[in-house]
Amino acid sequence: MVPALLALCAVGVFTGSVHLPADRVLAALSGSGSQLENLVVLDHRFSRAVAAVLVGCALGCAGALTQSVTRNPIASPDILGVASGAGFFAVLLVTQPSIASHTGENAATELLAPVAVLGGIVTTAVILALAWRGGFDGLRLILVGLSVNAIALAGTSWLLTRAELEDAQIATRWLTGSLEGVRMPDVTALTPVVLCGLVLCAALARDLGALRLGRDVAPGLGTRPGRTEALALLLAVVLVSGATAVAGPIAFVAFVAPQVAMRLFGTPGPPPLAAGLTGALLVLAADMTAQRLPAELPVGVPTAVLGAPYLLYLLNHHRRRTSV
């Protein structure tokens, strides 16, 4: 999988709408290219490819963490309402004239990412507060998350219907998830978040494996279920918030990547590190596909086209298994 990821990165850096010979791309990567070459290769292609890898890795790891805690394959940050909460706060910032008048139009756009992160954190806090009963029951957490998700989506739709057309277009584009405007400062900010997240995922791997056997069995293996669940969910929120701040809420990656990784690597549960690698490959492939269509699409469109049928498949598979 790593060779495939590197190959896709190379294709993304060396090809694009602006034709550049391979030697000029290498010159730009080494810092000896012209101003135009540096702009195209470094500021656009390279930063976008690296951002796709980082965002996908963050979402894949976050999905594996939430699915491990809930022990449910459909539990992911976007389905549980974290992404919807982030989207609601972002749309509230963009579409409300009173907020824009106090911050200014440009300032409101610049505040979009941190406000979205704040929205994701607040939404998660609400979900956890409503679902906590001395611990996290997977089914209760999912039901609470779905309820909060529905409320956030309804609130977002209501805000969009009352917004000015231009504001609604900006908000809708961001809600779809896009890597179009990502630049190197975004990559620099997201890199330490993802690297620290990977290290912490590796540190939690043993406890998550014990938790997978059940909350009653885990203490006998030296694992504290409540502590492990809280740390895993907190780490998932941080990873999703970082990815959302850079690219907006990209749908279904956190849901699909852990399940694909589990089947590819033959593990009994969602493997966080392998899910991160799978998520990186999915987002990079989706973004490259979206860029090369006759009309360029946001990366969230192909991921949704991939993820929605897979969700239906999982639900149908679960229904058949429980009916046997």
Protein backbone atom coordinates (compact mmCIF):
# COMPACT_ATOMS: atom_id res chain seq x y z
CA MET A 1 0.00 0.00 0.00
CA VAL A 2 2.89 2.38 0.72
CA PRO A 3 4.29 1.98 -2.84
CA ALA A 4 0.83 2.75 -4.26
CA LEU A 5 0.62 5.87 -2.09
CA LEU A 6 4.07 7.07 -3.20
CA ALA A 7 3.21 6.36 -6.84
CA LEU A 8 0.01 8.40 -6.60
CA CYS A 9 1.91 11.26 -4.95
CA ALA A 10 4.43 11.22 -7.80
CA VAL A 11 1.65 11.31 -10.39
CA GLY A 12 0.01 14.20 -8.56
CA VAL A 13 3.23 16.21 -8.42
CA PHE A 14 4.52 15.51 -11.94
CA THR A 15 1.22 15.88 -13.84
CA GLY A 16 -1.51 18.50 -13.92
CA SER A 17 -3.37 21.03 -16.04
CA VAL A 18 -0.14 23.02 -16.54
CA HIS A 19 2.35 20.89 -18.48
CA LEU A 20 5.88 20.91 -17.07
CA PRO A 21 8.73 18.59 -18.15
CA ALA A 22 9.95 16.18 -15.50
CA ASP A 23 13.31 17.95 -15.21
CA ARG A 24 11.58 21.27 -14.46
CA VAL A 25 9.41 19.61 -11.80
CA LEU A 26 12.55 18.20 -10.19
CA ALA A 27 14.16 21.63 -10.39
CA ALA A 28 11.19 23.17 -8.58
CA LEU A 29 11.28 20.46 -5.91
CA SER A 30 14.97 21.14 -5.34
CA GLY A 31 14.33 24.88 -5.04
CA SER A 32 16.02 25.91 -8.29
CA GLY A 33 12.93 26.37 -10.45
CA SER A 34 11.48 29.59 -11.78
CA GLN A 35 8.86 31.53 -9.87
CA LEU A 36 6.07 30.05 -11.99
CA GLU A 37 7.42 26.52 -11.63
CA ASN A 38 7.73 26.86 -7.87
CA LEU A 39 4.18 28.20 -7.70
CA VAL A 40 2.73 25.33 -9.72
CA VAL A 41 4.79 22.48 -8.26
CA LEU A 42 5.36 23.47 -4.64
CA ASP A 43 2.43 25.73 -3.75
CA HIS A 44 -0.19 23.80 -5.68
CA ARG A 45 0.67 20.20 -6.61
CA PHE A 46 3.03 19.18 -3.81
CA SER A 47 1.12 20.88 -1.00
CA ARG A 48 -2.18 19.47 -2.25
CA ALA A 49 -0.82 15.92 -2.49
CA VAL A 50 0.74 16.04 0.97
CA ALA A 51 -2.43 17.60 2.42
CA ALA A 52 -4.52 14.79 0.90
CA VAL A 53 -2.27 12.22 2.56
CA LEU A 54 -2.38 13.97 5.94
CA VAL A 55 -6.14 14.58 5.87
CA GLY A 56 -6.88 11.01 4.79
CA CYS A 57 -4.54 9.62 7.43
CA ALA A 58 -6.18 11.70 10.16
CA LEU A 59 -9.69 10.68 9.12
CA GLY A 60 -8.80 6.99 8.78
CA CYS A 61 -7.20 6.85 12.23
CA ALA A 62 -10.12 8.74 13.78
CA GLY A 63 -12.63 6.36 12.23
CA ALA A 64 -10.75 3.32 13.52
CA LEU A 65 -10.65 4.79 17.03
CA THR A 66 -14.39 5.51 17.18
CA GLN A 67 -15.28 2.13 15.68
CA SER A 68 -13.00 0.38 18.19
CA VAL A 69 -14.56 2.21 21.14
CA THR A 70 -18.14 1.57 20.06
CA ARG A 71 -17.40 -1.87 18.56
CA ASN A 72 -19.67 -0.93 15.68
CA PRO A 73 -18.62 -0.67 11.99
CA ILE A 74 -20.93 2.26 11.20
CA ALA A 75 -19.63 4.48 14.02
CA SER A 76 -17.41 7.18 12.54
CA PRO A 77 -16.94 10.88 13.37
CA ASP A 78 -18.98 12.05 10.38
CA ILE A 79 -21.90 9.69 11.07
CA LEU A 80 -21.81 10.44 14.82
CA GLY A 81 -22.31 14.16 14.18
CA VAL A 82 -18.84 15.62 14.77
CA ALA A 83 -18.47 16.79 11.16
CA SER A 84 -22.06 18.05 11.07
CA GLY A 85 -21.47 20.11 14.21
CA ALA A 86 -18.34 21.60 12.69
CA GLY A 87 -20.29 22.41 9.54
CA PHE A 88 -23.11 24.07 11.47
CA PHE A 89 -20.71 26.43 13.27
CA ALA A 90 -18.90 27.25 10.02
CA VAL A 91 -22.14 28.00 8.16
CA LEU A 92 -23.33 30.12 11.09
CA LEU A 93 -20.16 32.22 10.77
CA VAL A 94 -20.44 32.66 7.00
CA THR A 95 -24.17 33.26 6.64
CA GLN A 96 -25.04 35.54 9.56
CA PRO A 97 -24.74 39.24 8.62
CA SER A 98 -24.35 40.30 12.26
CA ILE A 99 -21.24 38.12 12.67
CA ALA A 100 -19.75 39.17 9.33
CA SER A 101 -20.29 42.84 10.13
CA HIS A 102 -18.28 42.52 13.35
CA THR A 103 -15.43 40.44 11.90
CA GLY A 104 -15.35 41.68 8.31
CA GLU A 105 -15.81 39.47 5.24
CA ASN A 106 -12.15 38.50 4.89
CA ALA A 107 -11.77 37.88 8.62
CA ALA A 108 -14.88 35.69 8.62
CA THR A 109 -13.37 33.54 5.86
CA GLU A 110 -10.07 33.25 7.74
CA LEU A 111 -11.93 32.26 10.91
CA LEU A 112 -13.78 29.47 9.10
CA ALA A 113 -11.28 26.74 10.01
CA PRO A 114 -10.86 27.51 13.73
CA VAL A 115 -14.61 28.02 14.16
CA ALA A 116 -15.22 24.65 12.50
CA VAL A 117 -12.76 23.01 14.88
CA LEU A 118 -14.52 24.66 17.82
CA GLY A 119 -17.84 23.40 16.50
CA GLY A 120 -16.54 19.84 16.27
CA ILE A 121 -15.21 19.98 19.83
CA VAL A 122 -18.43 21.46 21.25
CA THR A 123 -20.55 18.90 19.39
CA THR A 124 -18.39 16.06 20.69
CA ALA A 125 -18.67 17.36 24.25
CA VAL A 126 -22.46 17.42 23.94
CA ILE A 127 -22.55 13.88 22.53
CA LEU A 128 -20.29 12.50 25.24
CA ALA A 129 -22.19 14.27 28.01
CA LEU A 130 -25.48 12.80 26.80
CA ALA A 131 -24.05 9.31 26.21
CA TRP A 132 -21.95 8.93 29.37
CA ARG A 133 -23.40 6.58 32.00
CA GLY A 134 -20.32 5.60 33.96
CA GLY A 135 -18.81 4.56 30.64
CA PHE A 136 -19.61 4.49 26.94
CA ASP A 137 -22.14 2.00 25.67
CA GLY A 138 -21.59 1.67 21.92
CA LEU A 139 -25.25 1.62 20.95
CA ARG A 140 -26.13 4.59 23.18
CA LEU A 141 -23.23 6.62 21.78
CA ILE A 142 -24.31 5.91 18.20
CA LEU A 143 -27.96 6.79 18.88
CA VAL A 144 -27.02 10.04 20.61
CA GLY A 145 -24.58 10.87 17.81
CA LEU A 146 -27.17 10.22 15.12
CA SER A 147 -29.65 12.45 16.93
CA VAL A 148 -27.15 15.29 17.27
CA ASN A 149 -26.15 14.75 13.64
CA ALA A 150 -29.77 15.16 12.52
CA ILE A 151 -30.20 18.33 14.59
CA ALA A 152 -26.97 19.85 13.23
CA LEU A 153 -27.90 19.02 9.63
CA ALA A 154 -31.36 20.52 10.09
CA GLY A 155 -29.84 23.67 11.58
CA THR A 156 -27.37 23.94 8.71
CA SER A 157 -30.13 23.58 6.13
CA TRP A 158 -32.18 26.27 7.87
CA LEU A 159 -29.21 28.67 7.87
CA LEU A 160 -28.57 28.06 4.17
CA THR A 161 -32.19 28.81 3.24
CA ARG A 162 -31.96 32.20 4.98
CA ALA A 163 -28.51 33.16 3.68
CA GLU A 164 -27.58 35.43 0.80
CA LEU A 165 -26.82 33.52 -2.41
CA GLU A 166 -23.09 34.29 -2.39
CA ASP A 167 -22.73 33.31 1.28
CA ALA A 168 -24.68 30.11 0.69
CA GLN A 169 -22.37 29.18 -2.20
CA ILE A 170 -19.25 29.70 -0.05
CA ALA A 171 -20.72 27.63 2.77
CA THR A 172 -21.89 24.84 0.46
CA ARG A 173 -18.47 24.58 -1.21
CA TRP A 174 -16.78 24.27 2.17
CA LEU A 175 -19.33 21.74 3.44
CA THR A 176 -18.59 19.45 0.48
CA GLY A 177 -14.93 19.14 1.45
CA SER A 178 -12.21 20.47 -0.84
CA LEU A 179 -8.41 20.58 -1.07
CA GLU A 180 -8.40 23.24 -3.79
CA GLY A 181 -7.19 26.13 -1.64
CA VAL A 182 -4.71 24.19 0.51
CA ARG A 183 -1.20 25.68 0.67
CA MET A 184 2.05 24.87 2.48
CA PRO A 185 1.16 26.74 5.72
CA ASP A 186 -1.87 24.45 6.06
CA VAL A 187 0.34 21.40 5.54
CA THR A 188 2.85 22.68 8.08
CA ALA A 189 0.12 23.19 10.68
CA LEU A 190 -1.49 19.78 10.14
CA THR A 191 1.71 17.69 10.03
CA PRO A 192 2.51 17.69 13.79
CA VAL A 193 -1.13 16.94 14.63
CA VAL A 194 -1.13 13.85 12.42
CA LEU A 195 2.33 12.65 13.49
CA CYS A 196 1.45 12.96 17.18
CA GLY A 197 -1.84 11.23 16.48
CA LEU A 198 -0.07 8.29 14.85
CA VAL A 199 2.26 7.92 17.83
CA LEU A 200 -0.67 7.98 20.27
CA CYS A 201 -2.62 5.49 18.13
CA ALA A 202 0.33 3.10 18.34
CA ALA A 203 0.47 3.59 22.11
CA LEU A 204 -3.27 2.83 22.44
CA ALA A 205 -3.20 -0.23 20.17
CA ARG A 206 -2.81 -2.77 22.99
CA ASP A 207 -5.56 -1.25 25.14
CA LEU A 208 -7.91 -1.03 22.16
CA GLY A 209 -7.28 -4.70 21.45
CA ALA A 210 -8.19 -5.57 25.03
CA LEU A 211 -11.26 -3.35 24.88
CA ARG A 212 -12.39 -5.19 21.76
CA LEU A 213 -12.83 -8.32 23.90
CA GLY A 214 -15.37 -6.51 26.08
CA ARG A 215 -15.48 -4.01 28.94
CA ASP A 216 -15.74 -6.87 31.44
CA VAL A 217 -12.66 -8.67 30.12
CA ALA A 218 -10.42 -5.62 29.59
CA PRO A 219 -9.63 -4.93 33.30
CA GLY A 220 -8.27 -8.46 33.66
CA LEU A 221 -5.78 -7.65 30.89
CA GLY A 222 -4.56 -4.51 32.63
CA THR A 223 -6.71 -2.07 30.66
CA ARG A 224 -8.95 0.59 32.20
CA PRO A 225 -11.96 0.75 29.84
CA GLY A 226 -13.21 4.23 30.77
CA ARG A 227 -9.76 5.79 30.46
CA THR A 228 -9.03 4.06 27.15
CA GLU A 229 -12.39 5.05 25.67
CA ALA A 230 -12.02 8.68 26.73
CA LEU A 231 -8.47 8.95 25.37
CA ALA A 232 -9.40 7.28 22.08
CA LEU A 233 -12.41 9.53 21.53
CA LEU A 234 -10.44 12.65 22.45
CA LEU A 235 -7.69 11.69 20.01
CA ALA A 236 -10.29 11.03 17.29
CA VAL A 237 -11.81 14.48 17.81
CA VAL A 238 -8.40 16.17 17.58
CA LEU A 239 -7.56 14.33 14.35
CA VAL A 240 -10.94 15.06 12.76
CA SER A 241 -10.79 18.70 13.84
CA GLY A 242 -7.34 19.14 12.30
CA ALA A 243 -8.42 17.54 9.03
CA THR A 244 -11.65 19.57 8.96
CA ALA A 245 -9.74 22.80 9.54
CA VAL A 246 -7.69 22.16 6.39
CA ALA A 247 -10.14 20.56 3.97
CA GLY A 248 -13.63 20.88 5.40
CA PRO A 249 -15.78 17.87 6.31
CA ILE A 250 -14.87 15.14 3.80
CA ALA A 251 -17.59 12.52 4.03
CA PHE A 252 -17.28 8.77 4.54
CA VAL A 253 -13.46 8.46 4.65
CA ALA A 254 -13.44 7.92 8.42
CA PHE A 255 -16.21 5.37 7.94
CA VAL A 256 -14.84 3.38 4.98
CA ALA A 257 -11.07 3.37 5.63
CA PRO A 258 -11.10 1.29 8.87
CA GLN A 259 -13.34 -1.37 7.34
CA VAL A 260 -11.22 -1.62 4.19
CA ALA A 261 -8.03 -1.81 6.27
CA MET A 262 -9.49 -4.50 8.52
CA ARG A 263 -10.26 -6.68 5.50
CA LEU A 264 -6.97 -6.00 3.71
CA PHE A 265 -4.80 -6.73 6.76
CA GLY A 266 -6.99 -9.49 8.22
CA THR A 267 -7.24 -7.98 11.71
CA PRO A 268 -10.08 -8.78 14.15
CA GLY A 269 -10.89 -5.08 14.58
CA PRO A 270 -10.21 -1.74 12.87
CA PRO A 271 -6.41 -1.15 12.95
CA PRO A 272 -5.81 2.60 13.49
CA LEU A 273 -2.42 2.86 11.75
CA ALA A 274 -3.44 0.73 8.77
CA ALA A 275 -6.73 2.66 8.58
CA GLY A 276 -4.74 5.89 8.45
CA LEU A 277 -2.72 4.56 5.53
CA THR A 278 -5.89 3.41 3.78
CA GLY A 279 -7.57 6.77 4.37
CA ALA A 280 -4.56 8.59 2.92
CA LEU A 281 -4.74 6.44 -0.21
CA LEU A 282 -8.51 6.97 -0.54
CA VAL A 283 -8.38 10.76 -0.21
CA LEU A 284 -5.38 11.12 -2.53
CA ALA A 285 -6.96 8.90 -5.19
CA ALA A 286 -10.31 10.69 -4.87
CA ASP A 287 -8.71 14.13 -5.14
CA MET A 288 -6.65 13.17 -8.18
CA THR A 289 -9.76 11.75 -9.83
CA ALA A 290 -11.76 14.88 -9.02
CA GLN A 291 -9.03 17.14 -10.44
CA ARG A 292 -8.89 15.31 -13.76
CA LEU A 293 -12.59 15.27 -14.57
CA PRO A 294 -13.81 17.67 -17.31
CA ALA A 295 -15.40 19.79 -14.57
CA GLU A 296 -13.23 19.67 -11.42
CA LEU A 297 -15.14 18.52 -8.35
CA PRO A 298 -14.44 18.87 -4.62
CA VAL A 299 -12.80 15.79 -3.14
CA GLY A 300 -15.86 15.18 -0.96
CA VAL A 301 -17.96 14.23 -4.00
CA PRO A 302 -16.07 11.07 -5.05
CA THR A 303 -15.62 9.98 -1.42
CA ALA A 304 -19.38 10.28 -0.91
CA VAL A 305 -20.04 8.33 -4.12
CA LEU A 306 -17.76 5.58 -2.77
CA GLY A 307 -18.90 5.65 0.85
CA ALA A 308 -22.69 5.79 0.56
CA PRO A 309 -23.07 2.44 -1.28
CA TYR A 310 -20.61 0.86 1.14
CA LEU A 311 -22.74 2.02 4.08
CA LEU A 312 -25.78 0.39 2.47
CA TYR A 313 -23.76 -2.80 1.96
CA LEU A 314 -22.70 -2.90 5.62
CA LEU A 315 -26.24 -2.31 6.84
CA ASN A 316 -27.59 -5.06 4.57
CA HIS A 317 -24.77 -7.44 5.60
CA HIS A 318 -25.48 -6.78 9.30
CA ARG A 319 -29.21 -7.36 8.77
CA ARG A 320 -28.59 -10.70 7.07
CA ARG A 321 -26.14 -11.82 9.76
CA THR A 322 -28.56 -11.00 12.60
CA SER A 323 -31.45 -12.74 10.83
CA VAL A 324 -29.55 -16.05 10.52
